[in-house]
Amino acid sequence: MGAFQQIVLGTGLLTFSAVIHVTAVAVSVPFFGKLSARLSGEKWPRLRIVAFLAMAVFVLVAAHTLQVWTWAVSFLAITDLPDIATSFYFATVTYTTLGYGDIVLGPDARIVATFCAITGLLTFGISTAFLIGVLARILPNVFHDDHGT
């Protein structure tokens, strides 16, 4: 695969992954409202914190996992990686930007792999912002001083 084809494929996969991630976050927001209404009041404050964080983490883990699987299947299709386990391992290590270097793609796919790493950086940033937003919602006194600013 040529450089231009890799750039187009990588851009498409990055865009698809970003849509998956943003959709997962956006679709989960109404459920946070319902959860907040059910757990309102001060009767179970710790349960509310645990429930909100557990739900947020579940949404993010599901979104990241779906993205890694998308990259793994793509790498299996365009490279000579031997099986889905190896492809999943490579996709995960690349997506998280850990990059052990024990598996290296040839020139026909390495540009695509850079897009996988960019996707991980982008979506982990979105995940961090989402978790901070959830924390700000359930622990407002931590994020504001005594004057309500």
Protein backbone atom coordinates (compact mmCIF):
# COMPACT_ATOMS: atom_id res chain seq x y z
CA MET A 1 0.00 0.00 0.00
CA GLY A 2 1.37 3.37 -0.96
CA ALA A 3 1.82 6.35 1.33
CA PHE A 4 -1.26 8.19 0.04
CA GLN A 5 -3.45 5.10 0.47
CA GLN A 6 -2.15 4.66 4.01
CA ILE A 7 -2.90 8.29 4.82
CA VAL A 8 -6.44 7.94 3.48
CA LEU A 9 -7.04 4.66 5.34
CA GLY A 10 -5.50 6.02 8.56
CA THR A 11 -7.57 9.19 8.34
CA GLY A 12 -10.73 7.15 7.81
CA LEU A 13 -10.01 4.85 10.74
CA LEU A 14 -9.12 7.80 12.98
CA THR A 15 -12.35 9.56 12.00
CA PHE A 16 -14.39 6.39 12.58
CA SER A 17 -12.76 5.92 15.99
CA ALA A 18 -13.40 9.53 16.98
CA VAL A 19 -17.05 9.17 15.99
CA ILE A 20 -17.31 5.98 18.08
CA HIS A 21 -15.79 7.74 21.08
CA VAL A 22 -17.78 10.95 20.87
CA THR A 23 -20.99 9.00 20.26
CA ALA A 24 -20.38 6.78 23.29
CA VAL A 25 -19.86 9.84 25.48
CA ALA A 26 -22.83 11.75 24.02
CA VAL A 27 -25.21 8.79 24.26
CA SER A 28 -24.25 8.20 27.89
CA VAL A 29 -24.99 11.77 29.03
CA PRO A 30 -28.79 11.32 29.37
CA PHE A 31 -28.19 8.23 31.49
CA PHE A 32 -26.12 10.32 33.89
CA GLY A 33 -29.12 12.62 34.30
CA LYS A 34 -31.38 9.66 35.08
CA LEU A 35 -28.81 8.20 37.48
CA SER A 36 -28.47 11.57 39.19
CA ALA A 37 -32.23 11.82 39.69
CA ARG A 38 -32.38 8.32 41.18
CA LEU A 39 -29.47 8.93 43.52
CA SER A 40 -30.28 12.53 44.48
CA GLY A 41 -30.13 13.67 48.04
CA GLU A 42 -27.57 12.97 50.67
CA LYS A 43 -28.78 9.53 51.73
CA TRP A 44 -26.18 7.62 49.67
CA PRO A 45 -23.43 10.10 48.69
CA ARG A 46 -20.71 7.44 48.32
CA LEU A 47 -23.00 5.21 46.26
CA ARG A 48 -23.66 8.14 43.95
CA ILE A 49 -19.94 8.76 43.45
CA VAL A 50 -19.23 5.08 42.82
CA ALA A 51 -22.18 4.72 40.44
CA PHE A 52 -21.23 7.80 38.40
CA LEU A 53 -17.57 6.87 38.14
CA ALA A 54 -18.31 3.21 37.39
CA MET A 55 -20.71 4.20 34.62
CA ALA A 56 -18.23 6.70 33.16
CA VAL A 57 -15.39 4.20 33.22
CA PHE A 58 -17.60 1.51 31.69
CA VAL A 59 -18.58 3.81 28.81
CA LEU A 60 -14.96 4.78 28.16
CA VAL A 61 -13.62 1.22 28.38
CA ALA A 62 -16.30 0.03 25.96
CA ALA A 63 -15.50 2.84 23.50
CA HIS A 64 -11.73 2.28 23.68
CA THR A 65 -12.16 -1.48 23.34
CA LEU A 66 -14.33 -1.12 20.24
CA GLN A 67 -11.74 1.19 18.72
CA VAL A 68 -8.84 -1.15 19.44
CA TRP A 69 -10.79 -4.03 17.89
CA THR A 70 -11.41 -1.87 14.80
CA TRP A 71 -7.69 -1.18 14.48
CA ALA A 72 -6.80 -4.82 15.14
CA VAL A 73 -9.09 -6.10 12.39
CA SER A 74 -7.73 -3.44 10.05
CA PHE A 75 -4.12 -4.37 10.78
CA LEU A 76 -4.93 -8.05 10.26
CA ALA A 77 -6.44 -7.21 6.86
CA ILE A 78 -3.60 -4.99 5.57
CA THR A 79 -0.48 -6.58 7.06
CA ASP A 80 1.12 -9.98 7.30
CA LEU A 81 0.48 -10.24 11.05
CA PRO A 82 -0.19 -13.94 11.68
CA ASP A 83 -3.42 -13.89 13.69
CA ILE A 84 -6.00 -11.74 15.47
CA ALA A 85 -4.24 -12.10 18.85
CA THR A 86 -1.02 -10.63 17.46
CA SER A 87 -2.94 -7.95 15.61
CA PHE A 88 -4.92 -7.04 18.74
CA TYR A 89 -1.70 -6.89 20.76
CA PHE A 90 -0.05 -4.63 18.17
CA ALA A 91 -3.14 -2.40 17.94
CA THR A 92 -3.35 -2.05 21.73
CA VAL A 93 0.34 -1.29 22.18
CA THR A 94 0.20 1.26 19.36
CA TYR A 95 -3.15 2.82 20.40
CA THR A 96 -1.86 3.39 23.92
CA THR A 97 1.40 4.77 22.45
CA LEU A 98 3.32 2.28 24.57
CA GLY A 99 5.08 0.95 21.49
CA TYR A 100 7.22 -1.91 22.76
CA GLY A 101 8.78 -2.32 19.31
CA ASP A 102 8.69 -6.11 19.38
CA ILE A 103 6.36 -6.05 16.35
CA VAL A 104 7.22 -3.61 13.60
CA LEU A 105 5.16 -3.14 10.48
CA GLY A 106 6.74 -2.81 7.07
CA PRO A 107 6.57 0.28 4.92
CA ASP A 108 3.22 -0.82 3.46
CA ALA A 109 1.39 -0.20 6.76
CA ARG A 110 3.50 1.83 9.16
CA ILE A 111 1.86 5.15 8.28
CA VAL A 112 -1.51 3.61 9.17
CA ALA A 113 -0.03 2.62 12.53
CA THR A 114 0.86 6.23 13.27
CA PHE A 115 -2.80 7.12 12.86
CA CYS A 116 -3.64 4.44 15.43
CA ALA A 117 -1.34 6.16 17.91
CA ILE A 118 -2.83 9.57 17.10
CA THR A 119 -6.29 8.10 17.68
CA GLY A 120 -5.28 6.87 21.12
CA LEU A 121 -3.86 10.27 22.07
CA LEU A 122 -6.99 12.05 20.88
CA THR A 123 -9.52 9.73 22.48
CA PHE A 124 -7.65 9.43 25.78
CA GLY A 125 -7.76 13.23 25.91
CA ILE A 126 -11.52 13.15 25.34
CA SER A 127 -11.81 10.46 28.03
CA THR A 128 -9.87 12.57 30.51
CA ALA A 129 -12.09 15.60 29.85
CA PHE A 130 -15.20 13.44 30.21
CA LEU A 131 -14.05 12.02 33.56
CA ILE A 132 -13.19 15.50 34.83
CA GLY A 133 -16.69 16.61 33.80
CA VAL A 134 -18.25 13.69 35.66
CA LEU A 135 -16.15 14.44 38.73
CA ALA A 136 -17.10 18.12 38.58
CA ARG A 137 -20.76 17.08 38.51
CA ILE A 138 -20.60 14.71 41.47
CA LEU A 139 -17.98 16.52 43.54
CA PRO A 140 -18.71 20.21 42.87
CA ASN A 141 -17.14 21.41 46.14
CA VAL A 142 -13.78 20.06 45.07
CA PHE A 143 -13.80 22.14 41.88
CA HIS A 144 -15.08 25.41 43.38
CA ASP A 145 -13.83 27.55 46.24
CA ASP A 146 -15.98 28.83 49.11
CA HIS A 147 -17.21 31.77 47.04
CA GLY A 148 -18.86 29.56 44.41
CA THR A 149 -16.47 30.47 41.60
